[in-house]
N, C-alpha and C. Protein backbone atom coordinates (compact mmCIF):
# COMPACT_ATOMS: atom_id res chain seq x y z
N MET A 1 0.90 -1.19 -0.15
CA MET A 1 -0.35 0.24 0.12
C MET A 1 0.79 1.67 -0.05
N THR A 2 2.18 1.52 0.84
CA THR A 2 2.78 2.39 0.81
C THR A 2 3.54 3.10 -0.39
N ILE A 3 3.84 1.68 -1.54
CA ILE A 3 4.22 2.02 -2.77
C ILE A 3 3.25 2.84 -3.57
N GLN A 4 2.29 2.28 -4.06
CA GLN A 4 1.20 3.10 -4.58
C GLN A 4 0.81 4.79 -3.99
N ILE A 5 0.53 4.64 -2.32
CA ILE A 5 1.10 6.47 -2.06
C ILE A 5 2.43 7.09 -2.23
N CYS A 6 3.07 6.33 -2.64
CA CYS A 6 4.40 7.23 -2.94
C CYS A 6 4.13 7.46 -4.59
N ILE A 7 3.64 6.66 -5.44
CA ILE A 7 4.00 6.39 -6.93
C ILE A 7 2.78 7.89 -7.16
N CYS A 8 1.67 7.67 -6.07
CA CYS A 8 0.28 8.46 -6.30
C CYS A 8 1.25 9.99 -5.94
N TYR A 9 1.95 10.13 -5.41
CA TYR A 9 2.30 11.53 -4.40
C TYR A 9 3.20 12.32 -5.59
N LEU A 10 3.98 11.00 -6.51
CA LEU A 10 5.20 11.64 -7.28
C LEU A 10 4.46 12.36 -8.47
N LEU A 11 3.43 11.62 -8.90
CA LEU A 11 2.42 11.94 -9.91
C LEU A 11 2.23 13.14 -9.83
N VAL A 12 1.49 13.69 -8.55
CA VAL A 12 0.56 14.96 -8.39
C VAL A 12 1.88 15.95 -8.29
N ILE A 13 2.92 15.88 -7.73
CA ILE A 13 4.01 16.40 -7.47
C ILE A 13 4.14 17.20 -8.95
N ASN A 14 4.96 15.80 -9.47
CA ASN A 14 5.58 15.97 -10.71
C ASN A 14 4.50 16.75 -12.07
N ALA A 15 2.87 16.51 -11.94
CA ALA A 15 2.54 16.89 -13.22
C ALA A 15 2.08 18.47 -12.10
N ALA A 16 2.09 18.88 -10.87
CA ALA A 16 1.36 20.06 -10.69
C ALA A 16 2.79 21.18 -11.04
N ALA A 17 4.07 20.54 -10.71
CA ALA A 17 5.19 21.23 -11.38
C ALA A 17 4.98 21.56 -13.15
N PHE A 18 4.78 20.79 -13.29
CA PHE A 18 4.94 20.71 -15.12
C PHE A 18 3.96 21.64 -15.29
N LEU A 19 2.63 21.38 -14.74
CA LEU A 19 1.80 22.72 -14.90
C LEU A 19 2.19 24.04 -14.42
N ALA A 20 2.63 24.39 -13.31
CA ALA A 20 3.12 25.82 -12.42
C ALA A 20 3.94 25.98 -13.82
N PHE A 21 4.93 25.32 -14.49
CA PHE A 21 6.10 26.19 -15.61
C PHE A 21 5.10 26.63 -16.40
N GLY A 22 4.14 25.79 -17.38
CA GLY A 22 3.02 26.15 -18.40
C GLY A 22 2.33 27.32 -18.39
N ILE A 23 1.52 27.31 -16.70
CA ILE A 23 1.34 28.58 -16.19
C ILE A 23 2.09 29.62 -16.32
N ASP A 24 3.33 29.67 -15.84
CA ASP A 24 4.02 30.58 -15.20
C ASP A 24 4.65 31.62 -16.53
N LYS A 25 4.45 30.38 -18.15
CA LYS A 25 5.26 31.29 -19.39
C LYS A 25 4.22 31.98 -19.67
N TRP A 26 3.00 30.75 -19.29
CA TRP A 26 1.42 31.26 -20.87
C TRP A 26 1.38 33.14 -19.37
N ARG A 27 1.46 33.28 -18.36
CA ARG A 27 1.38 34.16 -17.48
C ARG A 27 2.36 35.67 -18.06
N ALA A 28 3.58 34.88 -17.85
CA ALA A 28 4.58 35.87 -18.58
C ALA A 28 4.49 36.22 -20.21
N ARG A 29 3.98 35.37 -21.00
CA ARG A 29 3.51 36.22 -22.47
C ARG A 29 2.50 37.31 -22.41
N HIS A 30 1.41 36.77 -21.15
CA HIS A 30 0.24 37.64 -21.18
C HIS A 30 0.24 38.69 -20.24
N GLU A 31 1.22 38.92 -19.68
CA GLU A 31 1.59 40.35 -18.82
C GLU A 31 0.48 40.03 -17.36
N ARG A 32 0.62 38.95 -17.07
CA ARG A 32 -0.14 38.78 -15.80
C ARG A 32 0.49 38.34 -14.59
N TRP A 33 -0.13 38.38 -13.59
CA TRP A 33 0.70 38.28 -12.13
C TRP A 33 1.14 36.57 -12.36
N ARG A 34 2.38 36.90 -11.84
CA ARG A 34 3.94 35.38 -12.25
C ARG A 34 3.52 34.49 -11.01
N ILE A 35 4.14 33.29 -11.31
CA ILE A 35 3.95 32.58 -10.08
C ILE A 35 5.72 32.70 -9.38
N ARG A 36 6.12 32.42 -8.60
CA ARG A 36 7.24 33.23 -7.49
C ARG A 36 8.21 32.19 -7.92
N GLU A 37 9.25 32.27 -8.25
CA GLU A 37 10.36 31.74 -8.21
C GLU A 37 10.81 30.64 -7.79
N SER A 38 10.76 30.81 -5.80
CA SER A 38 10.29 29.99 -5.16
C SER A 38 9.65 28.93 -5.20
N THR A 39 8.29 29.54 -5.33
CA THR A 39 7.66 28.26 -5.65
C THR A 39 8.03 27.55 -6.55
N LEU A 40 8.31 27.79 -7.78
CA LEU A 40 8.28 26.79 -8.99
C LEU A 40 9.69 26.30 -8.17
N LEU A 41 10.52 26.21 -7.66
CA LEU A 41 11.63 25.90 -7.16
C LEU A 41 11.13 24.57 -6.11
N GLY A 42 10.59 25.14 -5.53
CA GLY A 42 9.86 24.28 -3.84
C GLY A 42 9.09 23.00 -4.72
N LEU A 43 8.53 23.23 -5.68
CA LEU A 43 7.38 21.78 -6.35
C LEU A 43 9.02 21.14 -6.89
N ALA A 44 10.08 21.56 -7.29
CA ALA A 44 10.72 20.95 -8.07
C ALA A 44 11.38 20.03 -6.86
N PHE A 45 11.61 20.59 -5.56
CA PHE A 45 12.05 20.09 -4.94
C PHE A 45 11.19 19.23 -3.56
N LEU A 46 10.43 19.43 -3.85
CA LEU A 46 9.02 18.20 -2.99
C LEU A 46 8.96 16.68 -3.41
N GLY A 47 9.88 17.10 -4.88
CA GLY A 47 9.89 15.48 -5.61
C GLY A 47 9.26 15.85 -7.22
N GLY A 48 9.13 17.21 -7.29
CA GLY A 48 8.76 17.10 -9.00
C GLY A 48 9.66 18.18 -9.79
N ALA A 49 10.91 17.44 -9.69
CA ALA A 49 11.93 17.66 -10.16
C ALA A 49 11.92 17.35 -11.30
N ALA A 50 11.27 16.16 -12.06
CA ALA A 50 11.48 15.54 -13.48
C ALA A 50 9.81 16.25 -14.14
N GLY A 51 9.31 16.61 -13.28
CA GLY A 51 8.05 17.63 -13.70
C GLY A 51 8.21 19.18 -14.46
N ALA A 52 9.32 19.59 -13.04
CA ALA A 52 9.60 20.60 -13.62
C ALA A 52 10.70 20.80 -14.76
N TRP A 53 11.51 19.47 -15.10
CA TRP A 53 12.21 19.66 -16.01
C TRP A 53 11.73 19.66 -17.48
N ALA A 54 11.19 18.75 -17.16
CA ALA A 54 10.00 18.69 -18.71
C ALA A 54 9.23 19.80 -18.66
N GLY A 55 8.35 20.79 -17.66
CA GLY A 55 7.76 21.96 -17.90
C GLY A 55 9.35 22.91 -18.68
N MET A 56 10.53 22.93 -18.16
CA MET A 56 11.60 23.82 -18.30
C MET A 56 11.56 23.67 -20.16
N GLY A 57 11.18 22.27 -20.54
CA GLY A 57 12.06 22.08 -22.12
C GLY A 57 10.49 22.05 -23.15
N VAL A 58 9.60 21.79 -22.34
CA VAL A 58 8.19 21.70 -23.50
C VAL A 58 8.02 23.32 -23.30
N PHE A 59 8.29 24.38 -22.38
CA PHE A 59 7.47 25.72 -22.40
C PHE A 59 8.58 26.19 -22.90
N HIS A 60 9.76 25.97 -22.67
CA HIS A 60 11.58 26.79 -22.78
C HIS A 60 11.15 27.94 -21.40
N HIS A 61 11.27 27.52 -20.51
CA HIS A 61 10.91 28.38 -19.36
C HIS A 61 11.54 28.37 -18.41
N LYS A 62 12.14 29.71 -18.04
CA LYS A 62 13.29 29.27 -17.65
C LYS A 62 14.53 28.80 -17.28
N VAL A 63 14.93 28.35 -18.75
CA VAL A 63 16.13 27.65 -18.93
C VAL A 63 17.84 28.48 -18.88
N ARG A 64 17.93 29.71 -18.12
CA ARG A 64 19.07 30.23 -19.07
C ARG A 64 18.77 31.10 -16.94
N LYS A 65 18.13 30.82 -15.86
CA LYS A 65 18.39 31.24 -14.97
C LYS A 65 19.42 30.26 -14.59
N PRO A 66 20.36 30.27 -13.64
CA PRO A 66 21.12 29.39 -13.01
C PRO A 66 20.28 28.82 -11.78
N PRO A 67 19.65 28.69 -11.08
CA PRO A 67 18.78 28.55 -10.73
C PRO A 67 17.95 27.24 -10.38
N PHE A 68 17.29 27.35 -12.03
CA PHE A 68 16.75 26.10 -12.79
C PHE A 68 17.58 25.55 -13.35
N ARG A 69 18.49 26.01 -14.37
CA ARG A 69 18.98 25.61 -15.02
C ARG A 69 20.18 24.68 -14.91
N PHE A 70 20.49 24.63 -13.54
CA PHE A 70 21.32 23.73 -12.78
C PHE A 70 20.55 22.63 -11.50
N GLY A 71 20.34 23.37 -10.99
CA GLY A 71 19.46 23.65 -9.63
C GLY A 71 18.28 22.36 -9.95
N VAL A 72 17.27 22.36 -10.82
CA VAL A 72 16.25 21.05 -11.71
C VAL A 72 17.13 19.86 -11.97
N PRO A 73 18.70 20.08 -12.80
CA PRO A 73 18.43 18.70 -12.45
C PRO A 73 19.09 18.34 -11.58
N LEU A 74 20.21 19.32 -10.63
CA LEU A 74 20.59 18.45 -9.79
C LEU A 74 19.71 17.87 -8.35
N MET A 75 18.43 18.29 -8.18
CA MET A 75 17.34 17.68 -7.69
C MET A 75 16.94 16.24 -8.49
N LEU A 76 16.63 16.36 -9.71
CA LEU A 76 15.98 15.10 -10.69
C LEU A 76 16.62 14.58 -10.10
N LEU A 77 18.78 14.63 -10.40
CA LEU A 77 19.57 13.19 -9.71
C LEU A 77 19.65 13.00 -8.62
N ALA A 78 19.49 13.79 -7.53
CA ALA A 78 19.31 13.25 -5.49
C ALA A 78 17.63 12.79 -5.97
N GLN A 79 17.11 13.36 -6.47
CA GLN A 79 15.27 12.54 -6.03
C GLN A 79 15.63 10.92 -6.84
N ALA A 80 16.48 10.84 -8.09
CA ALA A 80 16.56 9.70 -8.29
C ALA A 80 17.82 8.40 -7.58
N ALA A 81 18.26 9.16 -7.26
CA ALA A 81 19.24 8.11 -6.21
C ALA A 81 18.34 8.09 -4.93
N LEU A 82 17.85 8.60 -4.49
CA LEU A 82 16.92 8.32 -3.49
C LEU A 82 16.04 7.29 -3.34
N LEU A 83 15.04 7.65 -4.66
CA LEU A 83 14.25 6.64 -5.32
C LEU A 83 15.10 5.34 -5.33
N VAL A 84 16.05 5.06 -5.94
CA VAL A 84 16.85 3.80 -6.04
C VAL A 84 17.55 3.16 -5.06
N TRP A 85 18.23 4.25 -3.89
CA TRP A 85 18.33 3.65 -2.83
C TRP A 85 17.47 3.01 -1.99
N LEU A 86 16.50 3.66 -2.07
CA LEU A 86 15.20 2.80 -1.06
C LEU A 86 14.61 1.53 -1.61
N TRP A 87 14.80 2.16 -2.49
CA TRP A 87 14.24 0.90 -3.57
C TRP A 87 14.78 -0.63 -3.46
N VAL A 88 16.16 -0.23 -3.19
CA VAL A 88 17.18 -1.15 -2.74
C VAL A 88 17.66 -1.62 -1.78
N LYS A 89 17.39 -0.39 -0.75
CA LYS A 89 17.32 -1.26 0.60
C LYS A 89 15.91 -1.99 0.80
N GLY A 90 14.51 -1.33 0.14
CA GLY A 90 13.58 -2.24 0.52
C GLY A 90 13.44 -3.42 -0.21
N GLY A 91 14.50 -4.28 -1.02
CA GLY A 91 14.77 -5.35 -0.82
C GLY A 91 13.49 -5.18 -2.82
N ALA A 92 13.20 -4.40 -2.92
CA ALA A 92 12.75 -5.00 -4.67
C ALA A 92 13.82 -5.06 -5.53
N ILE A 93 15.37 -5.05 -4.91
CA ILE A 93 16.07 -5.03 -6.87
C ILE A 93 17.07 -6.24 -5.91
N GLY A 94 17.19 -7.42 -6.86
CA GLY A 94 18.60 -8.15 -6.32
C GLY A 94 17.85 -9.19 -5.68
């Protein structure tokens, strides 16, 4: 049951991060109120780095800013390493 909760959480947080990047790009183009950079990075930090990175690529948004250009891929690597470690520790591999 716990693995299903983790998968659902990761799906939701990554979808939220992806959508947030898309919404913020749309708002930037239409000169509307923007989503804070700290919110975008926070979504990535909380497990949504894959969705944030995908959003950066699809919407070509925040790709030149160093906290996003370097921070989001580093968060993604850290999250992937954590998932592999938890999977191995849980005995699901090997």
